[in-house]
């Protein structure tokens, strides 16, 4: 089976269920409510195929994406040929990077915070602190775990341009002390008579709410703004409800 990230078109189809316009609406509502600076330059961490790129540019923002996969970045660059002057890409590790100039707003999608240790996590926030202007926001999607670490399996199908992609997602516990687990994604693809399979397995680390707050308390460069359920700023998380795809927002001090 081939590496999933070497096949960005199929990855894009697999995760095309997202409401990109609605998510950018939430970015703008967050900025309006909580940012202390005007926003022109937006940075996506773990950008992959950059699904928000065009919507952000259409709304007047400049887009910068960071990812460790050159194949994903090449795919995103190809999609951005007609808006070249408004988008920029950097191949870098999210735990150690810098940019030529600071940005006004940062976000990380789909729980893509690949920091396996406390040192990695602090290094990531050091990098964010370097590139984000004071008063700017960092929005984290699905990066704080509000449920105990456990075995999880899910599957779904998406079809686009005659290409059917069946996705299987799994989480397997590895170590309760280090809070690490293995995340697996497998795509079964039927592309106009051609059948293929792609898989990706990554070591992840769970980050729990009080642990996240304790991390911020040990830093002087970020303040906690809040966390909300299912990308809805009218649904602050209280802790007793069913939680789905939570977002967390912090602000650079």
C-alpha atoms as a PDB file:
ATOM      1  CA  UNK A   1       0.000   0.000   0.000  1.00  0.00           C
ATOM      2  CA  UNK A   2       1.258   3.465  -0.895  1.00  0.00           C
ATOM      3  CA  UNK A   3       1.671   6.381   1.483  1.00  0.00           C
ATOM      4  CA  UNK A   4      -1.526   8.397   1.815  1.00  0.00           C
ATOM      5  CA  UNK A   5       0.179  11.795   1.779  1.00  0.00           C
ATOM      6  CA  UNK A   6       1.816  11.007  -1.574  1.00  0.00           C
ATOM      7  CA  UNK A   7      -1.677  10.947  -3.099  1.00  0.00           C
ATOM      8  CA  UNK A   8      -3.201  14.330  -2.228  1.00  0.00           C
ATOM      9  CA  UNK A   9      -6.079  14.177  -4.719  1.00  0.00           C
ATOM     10  CA  UNK A  10      -7.598  11.145  -3.007  1.00  0.00           C
ATOM     11  CA  UNK A  11      -6.912  12.636   0.415  1.00  0.00           C
ATOM     12  CA  UNK A  12      -8.759  15.774  -0.669  1.00  0.00           C
ATOM     13  CA  UNK A  13     -11.796  13.760  -1.769  1.00  0.00           C
ATOM     14  CA  UNK A  14     -11.802  11.714   1.455  1.00  0.00           C
ATOM     15  CA  UNK A  15     -12.091  14.823   3.624  1.00  0.00           C
ATOM     16  CA  UNK A  16     -14.296  16.897   1.326  1.00  0.00           C
ATOM     17  CA  UNK A  17     -17.274  16.530   3.695  1.00  0.00           C
ATOM     18  CA  UNK A  18     -16.170  19.665   5.534  1.00  0.00           C
ATOM     19  CA  UNK A  19     -18.099  22.934   5.332  1.00  0.00           C
ATOM     20  CA  UNK A  20     -15.200  25.161   4.296  1.00  0.00           C
ATOM     21  CA  UNK A  21     -17.275  28.339   3.927  1.00  0.00           C
ATOM     22  CA  UNK A  22     -18.795  27.754   7.355  1.00  0.00           C
ATOM     23  CA  UNK A  23     -15.370  27.211   8.906  1.00  0.00           C
ATOM     24  CA  UNK A  24     -14.046  30.446   7.415  1.00  0.00           C
ATOM     25  CA  UNK A  25     -17.174  32.164   8.767  1.00  0.00           C
ATOM     26  CA  UNK A  26     -16.088  30.933  12.214  1.00  0.00           C
ATOM     27  CA  UNK A  27     -12.564  32.261  11.624  1.00  0.00           C
ATOM     28  CA  UNK A  28     -14.010  35.682  10.865  1.00  0.00           C
ATOM     29  CA  UNK A  29     -16.398  35.626  13.823  1.00  0.00           C
ATOM     30  CA  UNK A  30     -13.492  34.655  16.103  1.00  0.00           C
ATOM     31  CA  UNK A  31     -11.400  37.504  14.723  1.00  0.00           C
ATOM     32  CA  UNK A  32     -14.229  39.989  15.162  1.00  0.00           C
ATOM     33  CA  UNK A  33     -14.875  38.927  18.758  1.00  0.00           C
ATOM     34  CA  UNK A  34     -11.427  38.172  20.129  1.00  0.00           C
ATOM     35  CA  UNK A  35      -8.579  39.488  17.972  1.00  0.00           C
ATOM     36  CA  UNK A  36      -6.862  42.675  19.110  1.00  0.00           C
ATOM     37  CA  UNK A  37      -5.362  43.332  15.682  1.00  0.00           C
ATOM     38  CA  UNK A  38      -6.723  43.580  12.122  1.00  0.00           C
ATOM     39  CA  UNK A  39      -6.173  40.415  10.107  1.00  0.00           C
ATOM     40  CA  UNK A  40      -4.718  40.264   6.607  1.00  0.00           C
ATOM     41  CA  UNK A  41      -2.193  37.407   6.747  1.00  0.00           C
ATOM     42  CA  UNK A  42      -3.453  33.947   7.740  1.00  0.00           C
ATOM     43  CA  UNK A  43      -1.304  30.882   8.470  1.00  0.00           C
ATOM     44  CA  UNK A  44      -2.495  27.263   8.347  1.00  0.00           C
ATOM     45  CA  UNK A  45      -0.452  24.660  10.245  1.00  0.00           C
ATOM     46  CA  UNK A  46      -0.474  21.184   8.672  1.00  0.00           C
ATOM     47  CA  UNK A  47      -2.160  22.638   5.606  1.00  0.00           C
ATOM     48  CA  UNK A  48      -2.094  19.503   3.430  1.00  0.00           C
ATOM     49  CA  UNK A  49      -4.119  20.237   0.291  1.00  0.00           C
ATOM     50  CA  UNK A  50      -5.053  23.709   1.656  1.00  0.00           C
ATOM     51  CA  UNK A  51      -8.868  23.431   1.473  1.00  0.00           C
ATOM     52  CA  UNK A  52      -9.435  26.890   3.027  1.00  0.00           C
ATOM     53  CA  UNK A  53      -6.952  28.675   0.769  1.00  0.00           C
ATOM     54  CA  UNK A  54      -9.239  29.851  -2.024  1.00  0.00           C
ATOM     55  CA  UNK A  55     -12.094  30.848   0.290  1.00  0.00           C
ATOM     56  CA  UNK A  56      -9.708  32.941   2.390  1.00  0.00           C
ATOM     57  CA  UNK A  57      -8.181  34.623  -0.668  1.00  0.00           C
ATOM     58  CA  UNK A  58     -11.653  35.321  -2.076  1.00  0.00           C
ATOM     59  CA  UNK A  59     -12.454  37.147   1.169  1.00  0.00           C
ATOM     60  CA  UNK A  60      -9.391  39.355   0.896  1.00  0.00           C
ATOM     61  CA  UNK A  61      -6.806  37.524   3.032  1.00  0.00           C
ATOM     62  CA  UNK A  62      -3.286  36.433   2.182  1.00  0.00           C
ATOM     63  CA  UNK A  63      -2.729  32.730   2.846  1.00  0.00           C
ATOM     64  CA  UNK A  64       0.383  30.929   4.078  1.00  0.00           C
ATOM     65  CA  UNK A  65       0.463  27.143   4.517  1.00  0.00           C
ATOM     66  CA  UNK A  66       3.005  24.991   6.352  1.00  0.00           C
ATOM     67  CA  UNK A  67       3.265  21.230   5.925  1.00  0.00           C
ATOM     68  CA  UNK A  68       5.911  18.521   6.161  1.00  0.00           C
ATOM     69  CA  UNK A  69       4.770  16.783   2.956  1.00  0.00           C
ATOM     70  CA  UNK A  70       6.229  18.196  -0.255  1.00  0.00           C
ATOM     71  CA  UNK A  71       3.689  16.175  -2.270  1.00  0.00           C
ATOM     72  CA  UNK A  72       0.820  17.903  -0.482  1.00  0.00           C
ATOM     73  CA  UNK A  73       2.434  21.315  -0.949  1.00  0.00           C
ATOM     74  CA  UNK A  74       3.060  20.696  -4.649  1.00  0.00           C
ATOM     75  CA  UNK A  75      -0.618  19.802  -5.044  1.00  0.00           C
ATOM     76  CA  UNK A  76      -1.680  22.962  -3.204  1.00  0.00           C
ATOM     77  CA  UNK A  77       0.693  25.070  -5.325  1.00  0.00           C
ATOM     78  CA  UNK A  78      -0.832  23.626  -8.489  1.00  0.00           C
ATOM     79  CA  UNK A  79      -4.308  24.589  -7.260  1.00  0.00           C
ATOM     80  CA  UNK A  80      -3.144  28.130  -6.522  1.00  0.00           C
ATOM     81  CA  UNK A  81      -1.614  29.004  -9.914  1.00  0.00           C
ATOM     82  CA  UNK A  82      -4.164  31.730 -10.596  1.00  0.00           C
ATOM     83  CA  UNK A  83      -3.692  33.382  -7.167  1.00  0.00           C
ATOM     84  CA  UNK A  84       0.090  33.051  -6.831  1.00  0.00           C
ATOM     85  CA  UNK A  85       0.729  36.502  -5.413  1.00  0.00           C
ATOM     86  CA  UNK A  86      -1.620  35.926  -2.493  1.00  0.00           C
ATOM     87  CA  UNK A  87      -0.455  32.495  -1.284  1.00  0.00           C
ATOM     88  CA  UNK A  88       2.817  31.155   0.079  1.00  0.00           C
ATOM     89  CA  UNK A  89       3.900  27.679   1.171  1.00  0.00           C
ATOM     90  CA  UNK A  90       6.659  26.419   3.447  1.00  0.00           C
ATOM     91  CA  UNK A  91       7.834  22.840   3.949  1.00  0.00           C
ATOM     92  CA  UNK A  92       8.668  22.657   7.645  1.00  0.00           C
ATOM     93  CA  UNK A  93       8.197  20.759  10.897  1.00  0.00           C
ATOM     94  CA  UNK A  94       5.445  22.363  12.984  1.00  0.00           C
ATOM     95  CA  UNK A  95       7.602  22.013  16.108  1.00  0.00           C
ATOM     96  CA  UNK A  96      10.445  24.110  14.678  1.00  0.00           C
ATOM     97  CA  UNK A  97       9.792  26.727  12.026  1.00  0.00           C
ATOM     98  CA  UNK A  98       9.892  30.414  11.284  1.00  0.00           C
ATOM     99  CA  UNK A  99       8.582  32.695   8.533  1.00  0.00           C
ATOM    100  CA  UNK A 100      10.005  35.725   6.718  1.00  0.00           C
ATOM    101  CA  UNK A 101       7.346  37.926   8.348  1.00  0.00           C
ATOM    102  CA  UNK A 102       4.761  37.595  11.091  1.00  0.00           C
ATOM    103  CA  UNK A 103       1.096  36.742  10.493  1.00  0.00           C
ATOM    104  CA  UNK A 104      -2.140  37.979  12.082  1.00  0.00           C
ATOM    105  CA  UNK A 105      -4.102  34.735  12.571  1.00  0.00           C
ATOM    106  CA  UNK A 106      -3.100  31.061  12.813  1.00  0.00           C
ATOM    107  CA  UNK A 107      -5.179  27.893  12.730  1.00  0.00           C
ATOM    108  CA  UNK A 108      -4.543  24.148  12.757  1.00  0.00           C
ATOM    109  CA  UNK A 109      -7.238  21.805  11.359  1.00  0.00           C
ATOM    110  CA  UNK A 110      -8.491  18.301  12.132  1.00  0.00           C
ATOM    111  CA  UNK A 111      -6.390  17.628  15.218  1.00  0.00           C
ATOM    112  CA  UNK A 112      -3.169  17.884  13.225  1.00  0.00           C
ATOM    113  CA  UNK A 113      -1.013  18.863  16.211  1.00  0.00           C
ATOM    114  CA  UNK A 114       1.769  16.275  15.897  1.00  0.00           C
ATOM    115  CA  UNK A 115       3.641  16.911  19.143  1.00  0.00           C
ATOM    116  CA  UNK A 116       4.544  13.634  20.842  1.00  0.00           C
ATOM    117  CA  UNK A 117       6.246  14.988  23.983  1.00  0.00           C
ATOM    118  CA  UNK A 118       6.004  17.980  26.306  1.00  0.00           C
ATOM    119  CA  UNK A 119       9.196  19.285  24.716  1.00  0.00           C
ATOM    120  CA  UNK A 120       7.665  18.990  21.229  1.00  0.00           C
ATOM    121  CA  UNK A 121       4.524  20.757  22.402  1.00  0.00           C
ATOM    122  CA  UNK A 122       6.402  23.669  23.936  1.00  0.00           C
ATOM    123  CA  UNK A 123       8.615  23.902  20.848  1.00  0.00           C
ATOM    124  CA  UNK A 124       5.485  24.125  18.695  1.00  0.00           C
ATOM    125  CA  UNK A 125       4.120  27.005  20.753  1.00  0.00           C
ATOM    126  CA  UNK A 126       7.546  28.665  20.638  1.00  0.00           C
ATOM    127  CA  UNK A 127       7.303  28.573  16.840  1.00  0.00           C
ATOM    128  CA  UNK A 128       3.751  29.939  16.864  1.00  0.00           C
ATOM    129  CA  UNK A 129       4.860  32.696  19.219  1.00  0.00           C
ATOM    130  CA  UNK A 130       7.633  33.714  16.812  1.00  0.00           C
ATOM    131  CA  UNK A 131       5.358  34.045  13.783  1.00  0.00           C
ATOM    132  CA  UNK A 132       2.110  35.377  15.324  1.00  0.00           C
ATOM    133  CA  UNK A 133       1.759  39.080  16.058  1.00  0.00           C
ATOM    134  CA  UNK A 134       0.787  40.219  19.550  1.00  0.00           C
ATOM    135  CA  UNK A 135      -2.980  40.337  19.857  1.00  0.00           C
ATOM    136  CA  UNK A 136      -3.441  37.703  17.144  1.00  0.00           C
ATOM    137  CA  UNK A 137      -5.372  34.460  17.601  1.00  0.00           C
ATOM    138  CA  UNK A 138      -4.421  30.796  17.318  1.00  0.00           C
ATOM    139  CA  UNK A 139      -7.425  28.525  16.651  1.00  0.00           C
ATOM    140  CA  UNK A 140      -6.922  24.800  17.272  1.00  0.00           C
ATOM    141  CA  UNK A 141      -9.433  22.369  15.770  1.00  0.00           C
ATOM    142  CA  UNK A 142      -9.851  19.021  17.569  1.00  0.00           C
ATOM    143  CA  UNK A 143      -6.422  19.315  19.233  1.00  0.00           C
ATOM    144  CA  UNK A 144      -7.622  19.151  22.850  1.00  0.00           C
ATOM    145  CA  UNK A 145      -9.046  15.757  23.858  1.00  0.00           C
ATOM    146  CA  UNK A 146     -12.208  16.051  25.951  1.00  0.00           C
ATOM    147  CA  UNK A 147     -12.781  12.274  26.020  1.00  0.00           C
ATOM    148  CA  UNK A 148     -10.530   9.614  27.629  1.00  0.00           C
ATOM    149  CA  UNK A 149      -8.073   7.912  25.318  1.00  0.00           C
ATOM    150  CA  UNK A 150      -9.717   4.811  23.823  1.00  0.00           C
ATOM    151  CA  UNK A 151     -10.016   2.522  20.833  1.00  0.00           C
ATOM    152  CA  UNK A 152     -11.930   4.210  18.012  1.00  0.00           C
ATOM    153  CA  UNK A 153     -13.020   3.171  14.537  1.00  0.00           C
ATOM    154  CA  UNK A 154     -14.957   5.121  11.929  1.00  0.00           C
ATOM    155  CA  UNK A 155     -15.605   4.917   8.200  1.00  0.00           C
ATOM    156  CA  UNK A 156     -17.249   6.957   5.455  1.00  0.00           C
ATOM    157  CA  UNK A 157     -17.500   7.292   1.674  1.00  0.00           C
ATOM    158  CA  UNK A 158     -17.074  10.318  -0.586  1.00  0.00           C
ATOM    159  CA  UNK A 159     -17.356  10.531  -4.364  1.00  0.00           C
ATOM    160  CA  UNK A 160     -16.143  13.250  -6.705  1.00  0.00           C
ATOM    161  CA  UNK A 161     -15.593  13.353 -10.477  1.00  0.00           C
ATOM    162  CA  UNK A 162     -16.381   9.650 -10.740  1.00  0.00           C
ATOM    163  CA  UNK A 163     -13.790   8.734  -8.087  1.00  0.00           C
ATOM    164  CA  UNK A 164     -15.089   6.791  -5.061  1.00  0.00           C
ATOM    165  CA  UNK A 165     -13.022   6.961  -1.866  1.00  0.00           C
ATOM    166  CA  UNK A 166     -13.843   4.755   1.124  1.00  0.00           C
ATOM    167  CA  UNK A 167     -12.067   5.948   4.272  1.00  0.00           C
ATOM    168  CA  UNK A 168     -11.337   3.913   7.393  1.00  0.00           C
ATOM    169  CA  UNK A 169     -10.117   5.802  10.468  1.00  0.00           C
ATOM    170  CA  UNK A 170      -8.839   4.162  13.647  1.00  0.00           C
ATOM    171  CA  UNK A 171      -7.210   5.025  16.961  1.00  0.00           C
ATOM    172  CA  UNK A 172      -5.272   2.396  18.927  1.00  0.00           C
ATOM    173  CA  UNK A 173      -3.997   2.982  22.455  1.00  0.00           C
ATOM    174  CA  UNK A 174      -0.264   2.593  22.915  1.00  0.00           C
ATOM    175  CA  UNK A 175       0.803   4.036  26.268  1.00  0.00           C
ATOM    176  CA  UNK A 176      -1.333   5.474  29.079  1.00  0.00           C
ATOM    177  CA  UNK A 177       1.616   7.210  30.739  1.00  0.00           C
ATOM    178  CA  UNK A 178       2.898   9.052  27.684  1.00  0.00           C
ATOM    179  CA  UNK A 179      -0.709   9.464  26.416  1.00  0.00           C
ATOM    180  CA  UNK A 180       0.394   8.266  22.995  1.00  0.00           C
ATOM    181  CA  UNK A 181      -1.725   6.404  20.469  1.00  0.00           C
ATOM    182  CA  UNK A 182      -1.538   5.276  16.863  1.00  0.00           C
ATOM    183  CA  UNK A 183      -3.819   6.987  14.371  1.00  0.00           C
ATOM    184  CA  UNK A 184      -4.504   5.037  11.195  1.00  0.00           C
ATOM    185  CA  UNK A 185      -6.145   6.235   7.976  1.00  0.00           C
ATOM    186  CA  UNK A 186      -6.742   3.892   5.039  1.00  0.00           C
ATOM    187  CA  UNK A 187      -8.299   4.883   1.725  1.00  0.00           C
ATOM    188  CA  UNK A 188      -9.820   2.342  -0.650  1.00  0.00           C
ATOM    189  CA  UNK A 189     -10.040   4.104  -4.018  1.00  0.00           C
ATOM    190  CA  UNK A 190     -11.994   3.249  -7.149  1.00  0.00           C
ATOM    191  CA  UNK A 191     -10.862   5.604  -9.895  1.00  0.00           C
ATOM    192  CA  UNK A 192     -12.600   4.876 -13.211  1.00  0.00           C
ATOM    193  CA  UNK A 193     -11.978   1.134 -13.101  1.00  0.00           C
ATOM    194  CA  UNK A 194      -8.657   1.311 -11.265  1.00  0.00           C
ATOM    195  CA  UNK A 195      -8.658   0.125  -7.627  1.00  0.00           C
ATOM    196  CA  UNK A 196      -5.988   1.270  -5.177  1.00  0.00           C
ATOM    197  CA  UNK A 197      -5.318   1.320  -1.444  1.00  0.00           C
ATOM    198  CA  UNK A 198      -3.388   3.934   0.537  1.00  0.00           C
ATOM    199  CA  UNK A 199      -2.600   3.975   4.225  1.00  0.00           C
ATOM    200  CA  UNK A 200      -0.989   6.240   6.788  1.00  0.00           C
ATOM    201  CA  UNK A 201      -0.150   5.518  10.426  1.00  0.00           C
ATOM    202  CA  UNK A 202       1.054   8.241  12.774  1.00  0.00           C
ATOM    203  CA  UNK A 203       2.070   8.331  16.418  1.00  0.00           C
ATOM    204  CA  UNK A 204      -0.054  10.890  18.235  1.00  0.00           C
ATOM    205  CA  UNK A 205      -0.233  12.259  21.763  1.00  0.00           C
ATOM    206  CA  UNK A 206      -3.465  13.088  23.586  1.00  0.00           C
ATOM    207  CA  UNK A 207      -3.702  16.531  25.210  1.00  0.00           C
ATOM    208  CA  UNK A 208      -6.378  16.917  27.886  1.00  0.00           C
ATOM    209  CA  UNK A 209      -8.127  20.185  28.875  1.00  0.00           C
ATOM    210  CA  UNK A 210      -6.515  20.827  32.269  1.00  0.00           C
ATOM    211  CA  UNK A 211      -3.135  19.800  30.885  1.00  0.00           C
ATOM    212  CA  UNK A 212      -3.563  22.330  28.081  1.00  0.00           C
ATOM    213  CA  UNK A 213      -4.470  25.094  30.535  1.00  0.00           C
ATOM    214  CA  UNK A 214      -1.496  24.190  32.747  1.00  0.00           C
ATOM    215  CA  UNK A 215       0.776  24.447  29.713  1.00  0.00           C
ATOM    216  CA  UNK A 216      -0.494  27.951  28.959  1.00  0.00           C
ATOM    217  CA  UNK A 217      -0.107  29.012  32.597  1.00  0.00           C
ATOM    218  CA  UNK A 218       3.582  28.169  32.335  1.00  0.00           C
ATOM    219  CA  UNK A 219       4.001  30.530  29.399  1.00  0.00           C
ATOM    220  CA  UNK A 220       3.857  34.317  29.279  1.00  0.00           C
ATOM    221  CA  UNK A 221       3.191  34.642  25.548  1.00  0.00           C
ATOM    222  CA  UNK A 222      -0.358  33.233  25.250  1.00  0.00           C
ATOM    223  CA  UNK A 223      -3.668  33.674  27.034  1.00  0.00           C
ATOM    224  CA  UNK A 224      -6.595  31.271  26.973  1.00  0.00           C
ATOM    225  CA  UNK A 225      -9.746  32.648  25.342  1.00  0.00           C
ATOM    226  CA  UNK A 226     -12.050  29.623  25.389  1.00  0.00           C
ATOM    227  CA  UNK A 227     -13.229  26.406  23.785  1.00  0.00           C
ATOM    228  CA  UNK A 228     -16.425  25.710  21.896  1.00  0.00           C
ATOM    229  CA  UNK A 229     -18.363  22.719  20.621  1.00  0.00           C
ATOM    230  CA  UNK A 230     -18.635  21.797  16.938  1.00  0.00           C
ATOM    231  CA  UNK A 231     -17.181  25.054  15.585  1.00  0.00           C
ATOM    232  CA  UNK A 232     -20.043  27.062  17.115  1.00  0.00           C
ATOM    233  CA  UNK A 233     -19.050  30.143  19.135  1.00  0.00           C
ATOM    234  CA  UNK A 234     -22.527  30.129  20.671  1.00  0.00           C
ATOM    235  CA  UNK A 235     -21.798  26.747  22.292  1.00  0.00           C
ATOM    236  CA  UNK A 236     -19.008  27.161  24.869  1.00  0.00           C
ATOM    237  CA  UNK A 237     -17.920  23.803  26.268  1.00  0.00           C
ATOM    238  CA  UNK A 238     -19.075  23.205  29.841  1.00  0.00           C
ATOM    239  CA  UNK A 239     -17.863  19.613  30.127  1.00  0.00           C
ATOM    240  CA  UNK A 240     -21.117  17.733  30.687  1.00  0.00           C
ATOM    241  CA  UNK A 241     -22.398  17.731  27.108  1.00  0.00           C
ATOM    242  CA  UNK A 242     -21.579  15.453  24.184  1.00  0.00           C
ATOM    243  CA  UNK A 243     -18.586  17.040  22.491  1.00  0.00           C
ATOM    244  CA  UNK A 244     -17.945  16.891  18.752  1.00  0.00           C
ATOM    245  CA  UNK A 245     -15.047  18.522  16.908  1.00  0.00           C
ATOM    246  CA  UNK A 246     -14.208  21.156  19.540  1.00  0.00           C
ATOM    247  CA  UNK A 247     -12.230  24.297  18.765  1.00  0.00           C
ATOM    248  CA  UNK A 248      -9.902  26.061  21.200  1.00  0.00           C
ATOM    249  CA  UNK A 249      -8.757  29.668  20.859  1.00  0.00           C
ATOM    250  CA  UNK A 250      -5.744  31.321  22.481  1.00  0.00           C
ATOM    251  CA  UNK A 251      -4.306  34.809  21.938  1.00  0.00           C
ATOM    252  CA  UNK A 252      -0.719  36.015  21.664  1.00  0.00           C
ATOM    253  CA  UNK A 253       0.247  38.444  24.445  1.00  0.00           C
END
